[in-house]
Amino acid sequence: MELTGRLVADATVRKVNEEKNVTGFRVAVNRRYKSQGEQKEETAFVDCTYWRTDAIAPYLTKGMLVQLHGFMTAEPWVSRDGEPMASLKFRTDEINMLTKSGKTDDGKPAQAGNKNKVIKPSKQFN
């Protein structure tokens, strides 16, 4: 399965256990269509995880356009009322960055006139 969208915030890393971390991020996916001759747009927000390495997290910054390959999973949980619930997550196997990171190689936000080059990750993350 493939998704293409923009990151709505910088990626975060969460410790799963003593040996494993997971990178988490949310992507906005737009759908454009016509209804009764009028152009419409819907946005779906998709929670994503990337388990291969957390070293990619600094490169995944708010506003980046990314193409993701992976699959959907359902994660069960229990509401405050004790009701069984489930949420869908996109388990990412491959990330293609279609725009550059918004941060420079020193970790600061990229700005006009900033002499530091914008970081570009290598293919080592996929």
C-alpha atoms as a PDB file:
ATOM      1  CA  MET A   1       0.000   0.000   0.000  1.00  0.00           C
ATOM      2  CA  GLU A   2       1.219   3.509  -0.744  1.00  0.00           C
ATOM      3  CA  LEU A   3       0.423   6.868   0.881  1.00  0.00           C
ATOM      4  CA  THR A   4       1.645  10.308  -0.158  1.00  0.00           C
ATOM      5  CA  GLY A   5       1.158  13.274   2.130  1.00  0.00           C
ATOM      6  CA  ARG A   6       2.694  16.004   4.285  1.00  0.00           C
ATOM      7  CA  LEU A   7       3.987  15.598   7.824  1.00  0.00           C
ATOM      8  CA  VAL A   8       1.854  17.644  10.227  1.00  0.00           C
ATOM      9  CA  ALA A   9       4.608  17.769  12.889  1.00  0.00           C
ATOM     10  CA  ASP A  10       8.201  16.678  13.403  1.00  0.00           C
ATOM     11  CA  ALA A  11       8.625  12.932  13.956  1.00  0.00           C
ATOM     12  CA  THR A  12       9.072  11.664  17.508  1.00  0.00           C
ATOM     13  CA  VAL A  13      10.879   8.637  18.905  1.00  0.00           C
ATOM     14  CA  ARG A  14       9.299   6.467  21.561  1.00  0.00           C
ATOM     15  CA  LYS A  15      11.082   3.762  23.558  1.00  0.00           C
ATOM     16  CA  VAL A  16       9.230   0.459  23.222  1.00  0.00           C
ATOM     17  CA  ASN A  17      11.507  -1.616  25.416  1.00  0.00           C
ATOM     18  CA  GLU A  18      15.133  -1.586  26.510  1.00  0.00           C
ATOM     19  CA  GLU A  19      16.351  -2.599  23.061  1.00  0.00           C
ATOM     20  CA  LYS A  20      13.872  -1.032  20.625  1.00  0.00           C
ATOM     21  CA  ASN A  21      12.625   2.432  19.681  1.00  0.00           C
ATOM     22  CA  VAL A  22       9.941   3.365  17.171  1.00  0.00           C
ATOM     23  CA  THR A  23       9.655   6.537  15.116  1.00  0.00           C
ATOM     24  CA  GLY A  24       6.150   7.964  15.017  1.00  0.00           C
ATOM     25  CA  PHE A  25       4.677  10.674  12.811  1.00  0.00           C
ATOM     26  CA  ARG A  26       1.360  11.860  11.380  1.00  0.00           C
ATOM     27  CA  VAL A  27       0.727  12.506   7.698  1.00  0.00           C
ATOM     28  CA  ALA A  28      -2.048  14.578   6.119  1.00  0.00           C
ATOM     29  CA  VAL A  29      -3.329  12.930   2.940  1.00  0.00           C
ATOM     30  CA  ASN A  30      -5.503  15.068   0.649  1.00  0.00           C
ATOM     31  CA  ARG A  31      -8.177  13.831  -1.720  1.00  0.00           C
ATOM     32  CA  ARG A  32      -9.544  16.160  -4.394  1.00  0.00           C
ATOM     33  CA  TYR A  33     -12.773  15.423  -6.241  1.00  0.00           C
ATOM     34  CA  LYS A  34     -15.716  17.082  -7.946  1.00  0.00           C
ATOM     35  CA  SER A  35     -19.226  16.975  -6.542  1.00  0.00           C
ATOM     36  CA  GLN A  36     -22.080  18.518  -8.488  1.00  0.00           C
ATOM     37  CA  GLY A  37     -19.547  20.435 -10.592  1.00  0.00           C
ATOM     38  CA  GLU A  38     -17.831  21.940  -7.550  1.00  0.00           C
ATOM     39  CA  GLN A  39     -14.188  21.175  -6.676  1.00  0.00           C
ATOM     40  CA  LYS A  40     -13.925  19.685  -3.164  1.00  0.00           C
ATOM     41  CA  GLU A  41     -11.087  18.511  -0.968  1.00  0.00           C
ATOM     42  CA  GLU A  42     -10.937  16.167   2.024  1.00  0.00           C
ATOM     43  CA  THR A  43      -7.989  15.605   4.311  1.00  0.00           C
ATOM     44  CA  ALA A  44      -7.363  12.405   6.259  1.00  0.00           C
ATOM     45  CA  PHE A  45      -4.777  12.315   9.048  1.00  0.00           C
ATOM     46  CA  VAL A  46      -2.875   9.043   9.276  1.00  0.00           C
ATOM     47  CA  ASP A  47      -0.756   7.982  12.266  1.00  0.00           C
ATOM     48  CA  CYS A  48       2.380   6.187  11.073  1.00  0.00           C
ATOM     49  CA  THR A  49       5.154   4.138  12.633  1.00  0.00           C
ATOM     50  CA  TYR A  50       8.607   3.274  11.316  1.00  0.00           C
ATOM     51  CA  TRP A  51      10.418   0.468  13.135  1.00  0.00           C
ATOM     52  CA  ARG A  52      13.607  -0.011  11.095  1.00  0.00           C
ATOM     53  CA  THR A  53      15.648   2.761  12.751  1.00  0.00           C
ATOM     54  CA  ASP A  54      15.020   5.839  14.834  1.00  0.00           C
ATOM     55  CA  ALA A  55      17.966   7.609  13.140  1.00  0.00           C
ATOM     56  CA  ILE A  56      15.559   8.885  10.481  1.00  0.00           C
ATOM     57  CA  ALA A  57      13.491  10.918  12.975  1.00  0.00           C
ATOM     58  CA  PRO A  58      15.493  14.189  12.716  1.00  0.00           C
ATOM     59  CA  TYR A  59      14.969  14.211   8.944  1.00  0.00           C
ATOM     60  CA  LEU A  60      11.170  13.897   9.151  1.00  0.00           C
ATOM     61  CA  THR A  61      10.080  17.482   9.749  1.00  0.00           C
ATOM     62  CA  LYS A  62       6.771  19.312   9.658  1.00  0.00           C
ATOM     63  CA  GLY A  63       5.611  20.199   6.148  1.00  0.00           C
ATOM     64  CA  MET A  64       7.742  17.622   4.287  1.00  0.00           C
ATOM     65  CA  LEU A  65       6.073  15.759   1.455  1.00  0.00           C
ATOM     66  CA  VAL A  66       6.683  12.016   1.838  1.00  0.00           C
ATOM     67  CA  GLN A  67       5.726   8.890  -0.049  1.00  0.00           C
ATOM     68  CA  LEU A  68       5.255   5.883   2.235  1.00  0.00           C
ATOM     69  CA  HIS A  69       5.067   2.183   1.452  1.00  0.00           C
ATOM     70  CA  GLY A  70       3.720  -0.242   4.036  1.00  0.00           C
ATOM     71  CA  PHE A  71       0.488  -1.648   5.407  1.00  0.00           C
ATOM     72  CA  MET A  72      -2.375  -0.777   7.759  1.00  0.00           C
ATOM     73  CA  THR A  73      -2.686  -2.370  11.193  1.00  0.00           C
ATOM     74  CA  ALA A  74      -5.502  -2.259  13.740  1.00  0.00           C
ATOM     75  CA  GLU A  75      -4.423  -1.638  17.323  1.00  0.00           C
ATOM     76  CA  PRO A  76      -6.975  -2.607  19.952  1.00  0.00           C
ATOM     77  CA  TRP A  77      -7.447  -0.571  23.129  1.00  0.00           C
ATOM     78  CA  VAL A  78     -10.050  -0.050  25.849  1.00  0.00           C
ATOM     79  CA  SER A  79     -11.864   3.263  26.313  1.00  0.00           C
ATOM     80  CA  ARG A  80     -12.359   4.971  29.690  1.00  0.00           C
ATOM     81  CA  ASP A  81     -15.840   3.447  29.719  1.00  0.00           C
ATOM     82  CA  GLY A  82     -14.387  -0.036  29.315  1.00  0.00           C
ATOM     83  CA  GLU A  83     -15.518  -0.351  25.690  1.00  0.00           C
ATOM     84  CA  PRO A  84     -13.220  -2.218  23.291  1.00  0.00           C
ATOM     85  CA  MET A  85     -11.940   0.119  20.572  1.00  0.00           C
ATOM     86  CA  ALA A  86      -9.413  -0.021  17.726  1.00  0.00           C
ATOM     87  CA  SER A  87      -7.365   2.525  15.852  1.00  0.00           C
ATOM     88  CA  LEU A  88      -5.747   2.189  12.450  1.00  0.00           C
ATOM     89  CA  LYS A  89      -2.042   2.877  11.994  1.00  0.00           C
ATOM     90  CA  PHE A  90       0.131   2.790   8.912  1.00  0.00           C
ATOM     91  CA  ARG A  91       3.166   0.584   9.509  1.00  0.00           C
ATOM     92  CA  THR A  92       5.800   2.080   7.218  1.00  0.00           C
ATOM     93  CA  ASP A  93       8.357  -0.134   5.487  1.00  0.00           C
ATOM     94  CA  GLU A  94       9.870   2.464   3.152  1.00  0.00           C
ATOM     95  CA  ILE A  95       9.983   6.269   3.214  1.00  0.00           C
ATOM     96  CA  ASN A  96      10.712   8.377   0.132  1.00  0.00           C
ATOM     97  CA  MET A  97      11.283  12.024   0.965  1.00  0.00           C
ATOM     98  CA  LEU A  98       9.868  14.077  -1.883  1.00  0.00           C
ATOM     99  CA  THR A  99      10.981  17.417  -0.388  1.00  0.00           C
ATOM    100  CA  LYS A 100      14.015  18.327   1.688  1.00  0.00           C
ATOM    101  CA  SER A 101      13.994  18.475   5.447  1.00  0.00           C
ATOM    102  CA  GLY A 102      13.159  21.866   6.895  1.00  0.00           C
ATOM    103  CA  LYS A 103      16.207  21.639   9.183  1.00  0.00           C
ATOM    104  CA  THR A 104      19.854  22.255   8.448  1.00  0.00           C
ATOM    105  CA  ASP A 105      22.737  19.932   9.240  1.00  0.00           C
ATOM    106  CA  ASP A 106      23.245  21.742  12.583  1.00  0.00           C
ATOM    107  CA  GLY A 107      19.635  20.935  13.583  1.00  0.00           C
ATOM    108  CA  LYS A 108      18.344  24.506  13.315  1.00  0.00           C
ATOM    109  CA  PRO A 109      15.379  25.508  11.113  1.00  0.00           C
ATOM    110  CA  ALA A 110      16.330  26.352   7.529  1.00  0.00           C
ATOM    111  CA  GLN A 111      16.071  30.086   6.796  1.00  0.00           C
ATOM    112  CA  ALA A 112      16.740  32.291   3.804  1.00  0.00           C
ATOM    113  CA  GLY A 113      20.416  33.113   3.637  1.00  0.00           C
ATOM    114  CA  ASN A 114      21.425  30.317   6.009  1.00  0.00           C
ATOM    115  CA  LYS A 115      24.780  29.054   4.778  1.00  0.00           C
ATOM    116  CA  ASN A 116      24.348  25.544   6.165  1.00  0.00           C
ATOM    117  CA  LYS A 117      23.073  23.133   3.573  1.00  0.00           C
ATOM    118  CA  VAL A 118      19.740  21.431   4.128  1.00  0.00           C
ATOM    119  CA  ILE A 119      20.210  17.821   5.183  1.00  0.00           C
ATOM    120  CA  LYS A 120      19.368  15.043   2.779  1.00  0.00           C
ATOM    121  CA  PRO A 121      19.215  11.531   4.210  1.00  0.00           C
ATOM    122  CA  SER A 122      20.813   8.687   2.338  1.00  0.00           C
ATOM    123  CA  LYS A 123      19.046   5.473   1.384  1.00  0.00           C
ATOM    124  CA  GLN A 124      20.438   3.794   4.523  1.00  0.00           C
ATOM    125  CA  PHE A 125      17.117   4.244   6.313  1.00  0.00           C
ATOM    126  CA  ASN A 126      15.049   2.044   3.978  1.00  0.00           C
END
